[in-house]
Amino acid sequence: MNVLLLLSVTINFLTQQTDSIEMADQLRADGKIWVVVLVIAVVFAGIVAYLIRLDRQLSKVEKAVKKTLDKKTLDAEF
């Protein structure tokens, strides 16, 4: 039973891939697909830049916390 279901889903998936998507074809024909690619690339670059900036800020905070904790432990020992 499971094999039949898997086979039917696979066949359905493969037949859907052969159909062309009209919107994508039209975007490619008009050359506007590059605009879509550019927008996705800009968004991705923005997310990467944000994550890098966030990592740097967290590193600074971690250093400050570590320095404060080290200072407190030194004060507590004496």
C-alpha atoms as a PDB file:
ATOM      1  CA  MET A   1       0.000   0.000   0.000  1.00  0.00           C
ATOM      2  CA  ASN A   2       2.750   2.434   0.958  1.00  0.00           C
ATOM      3  CA  VAL A   3       4.711   1.574  -2.173  1.00  0.00           C
ATOM      4  CA  LEU A   4       1.676   2.349  -4.314  1.00  0.00           C
ATOM      5  CA  LEU A   5       1.180   5.680  -2.591  1.00  0.00           C
ATOM      6  CA  LEU A   6       4.860   6.571  -2.973  1.00  0.00           C
ATOM      7  CA  LEU A   7       4.819   5.589  -6.632  1.00  0.00           C
ATOM      8  CA  SER A   8       1.717   7.656  -7.334  1.00  0.00           C
ATOM      9  CA  VAL A   9       3.150  10.720  -5.563  1.00  0.00           C
ATOM     10  CA  THR A  10       6.440  10.369  -7.446  1.00  0.00           C
ATOM     11  CA  ILE A  11       4.718  10.087 -10.808  1.00  0.00           C
ATOM     12  CA  ASN A  12       2.537  13.087  -9.992  1.00  0.00           C
ATOM     13  CA  PHE A  13       5.584  15.141  -8.981  1.00  0.00           C
ATOM     14  CA  LEU A  14       7.507  14.215 -12.135  1.00  0.00           C
ATOM     15  CA  THR A  15       4.624  15.091 -14.429  1.00  0.00           C
ATOM     16  CA  GLN A  16       4.200  18.482 -12.784  1.00  0.00           C
ATOM     17  CA  GLN A  17       7.847  19.352 -13.393  1.00  0.00           C
ATOM     18  CA  THR A  18       7.495  19.028 -17.145  1.00  0.00           C
ATOM     19  CA  ASP A  19       4.791  21.692 -17.280  1.00  0.00           C
ATOM     20  CA  SER A  20       6.230  25.144 -17.901  1.00  0.00           C
ATOM     21  CA  ILE A  21       5.417  27.978 -15.552  1.00  0.00           C
ATOM     22  CA  GLU A  22       4.049  30.800 -17.655  1.00  0.00           C
ATOM     23  CA  MET A  23       5.016  33.575 -15.251  1.00  0.00           C
ATOM     24  CA  ALA A  24       8.661  32.460 -15.122  1.00  0.00           C
ATOM     25  CA  ASP A  25       8.769  32.079 -18.896  1.00  0.00           C
ATOM     26  CA  GLN A  26       7.369  35.576 -19.353  1.00  0.00           C
ATOM     27  CA  LEU A  27       9.856  37.044 -16.862  1.00  0.00           C
ATOM     28  CA  ARG A  28      12.715  35.326 -18.690  1.00  0.00           C
ATOM     29  CA  ALA A  29      11.442  36.522 -22.057  1.00  0.00           C
ATOM     30  CA  ASP A  30      11.191  40.122 -20.847  1.00  0.00           C
ATOM     31  CA  GLY A  31      14.566  39.981 -19.123  1.00  0.00           C
ATOM     32  CA  LYS A  32      12.923  40.814 -15.796  1.00  0.00           C
ATOM     33  CA  ILE A  33      14.104  37.595 -14.183  1.00  0.00           C
ATOM     34  CA  TRP A  34      17.380  39.405 -13.486  1.00  0.00           C
ATOM     35  CA  VAL A  35      15.488  41.978 -11.451  1.00  0.00           C
ATOM     36  CA  VAL A  36      14.069  39.181  -9.318  1.00  0.00           C
ATOM     37  CA  VAL A  37      17.530  37.637  -8.934  1.00  0.00           C
ATOM     38  CA  LEU A  38      18.993  41.036  -8.012  1.00  0.00           C
ATOM     39  CA  VAL A  39      16.327  41.682  -5.366  1.00  0.00           C
ATOM     40  CA  ILE A  40      16.889  38.253  -3.820  1.00  0.00           C
ATOM     41  CA  ALA A  41      20.666  38.827  -3.837  1.00  0.00           C
ATOM     42  CA  VAL A  42      20.295  42.241  -2.179  1.00  0.00           C
ATOM     43  CA  VAL A  43      18.025  40.832   0.520  1.00  0.00           C
ATOM     44  CA  PHE A  44      20.434  37.949   1.144  1.00  0.00           C
ATOM     45  CA  ALA A  45      23.419  40.333   1.307  1.00  0.00           C
ATOM     46  CA  GLY A  46      21.517  42.514   3.768  1.00  0.00           C
ATOM     47  CA  ILE A  47      20.771  39.555   6.016  1.00  0.00           C
ATOM     48  CA  VAL A  48      24.428  38.448   5.917  1.00  0.00           C
ATOM     49  CA  ALA A  49      25.647  41.980   6.705  1.00  0.00           C
ATOM     50  CA  TYR A  50      23.190  42.215   9.596  1.00  0.00           C
ATOM     51  CA  LEU A  51      24.354  38.884  11.027  1.00  0.00           C
ATOM     52  CA  ILE A  52      28.011  39.902  10.770  1.00  0.00           C
ATOM     53  CA  ARG A  53      27.291  43.208  12.512  1.00  0.00           C
ATOM     54  CA  LEU A  54      25.291  41.425  15.210  1.00  0.00           C
ATOM     55  CA  ASP A  55      28.118  38.938  15.756  1.00  0.00           C
ATOM     56  CA  ARG A  56      30.624  41.770  16.217  1.00  0.00           C
ATOM     57  CA  GLN A  57      28.377  43.533  18.697  1.00  0.00           C
ATOM     58  CA  LEU A  58      27.842  40.334  20.662  1.00  0.00           C
ATOM     59  CA  SER A  59      31.578  39.723  20.741  1.00  0.00           C
ATOM     60  CA  LYS A  60      32.113  43.172  22.252  1.00  0.00           C
ATOM     61  CA  VAL A  61      29.434  42.545  24.878  1.00  0.00           C
ATOM     62  CA  GLU A  62      30.893  39.122  25.693  1.00  0.00           C
ATOM     63  CA  LYS A  63      34.349  40.658  26.165  1.00  0.00           C
ATOM     64  CA  ALA A  64      32.925  43.366  28.415  1.00  0.00           C
ATOM     65  CA  VAL A  65      31.020  40.822  30.517  1.00  0.00           C
ATOM     66  CA  LYS A  66      34.060  38.576  30.791  1.00  0.00           C
ATOM     67  CA  LYS A  67      36.220  41.529  31.809  1.00  0.00           C
ATOM     68  CA  THR A  68      33.664  42.577  34.449  1.00  0.00           C
ATOM     69  CA  LEU A  69      33.362  39.038  35.808  1.00  0.00           C
ATOM     70  CA  ASP A  70      37.141  38.637  35.933  1.00  0.00           C
ATOM     71  CA  LYS A  71      37.456  41.935  37.784  1.00  0.00           C
ATOM     72  CA  LYS A  72      34.789  40.894  40.285  1.00  0.00           C
ATOM     73  CA  THR A  73      36.445  37.542  40.940  1.00  0.00           C
ATOM     74  CA  LEU A  74      39.794  39.256  41.481  1.00  0.00           C
ATOM     75  CA  ASP A  75      38.185  41.712  43.920  1.00  0.00           C
ATOM     76  CA  ALA A  76      36.486  38.858  45.758  1.00  0.00           C
ATOM     77  CA  GLU A  77      39.746  36.961  46.199  1.00  0.00           C
ATOM     78  CA  PHE A  78      41.480  39.858  47.938  1.00  0.00           C
END
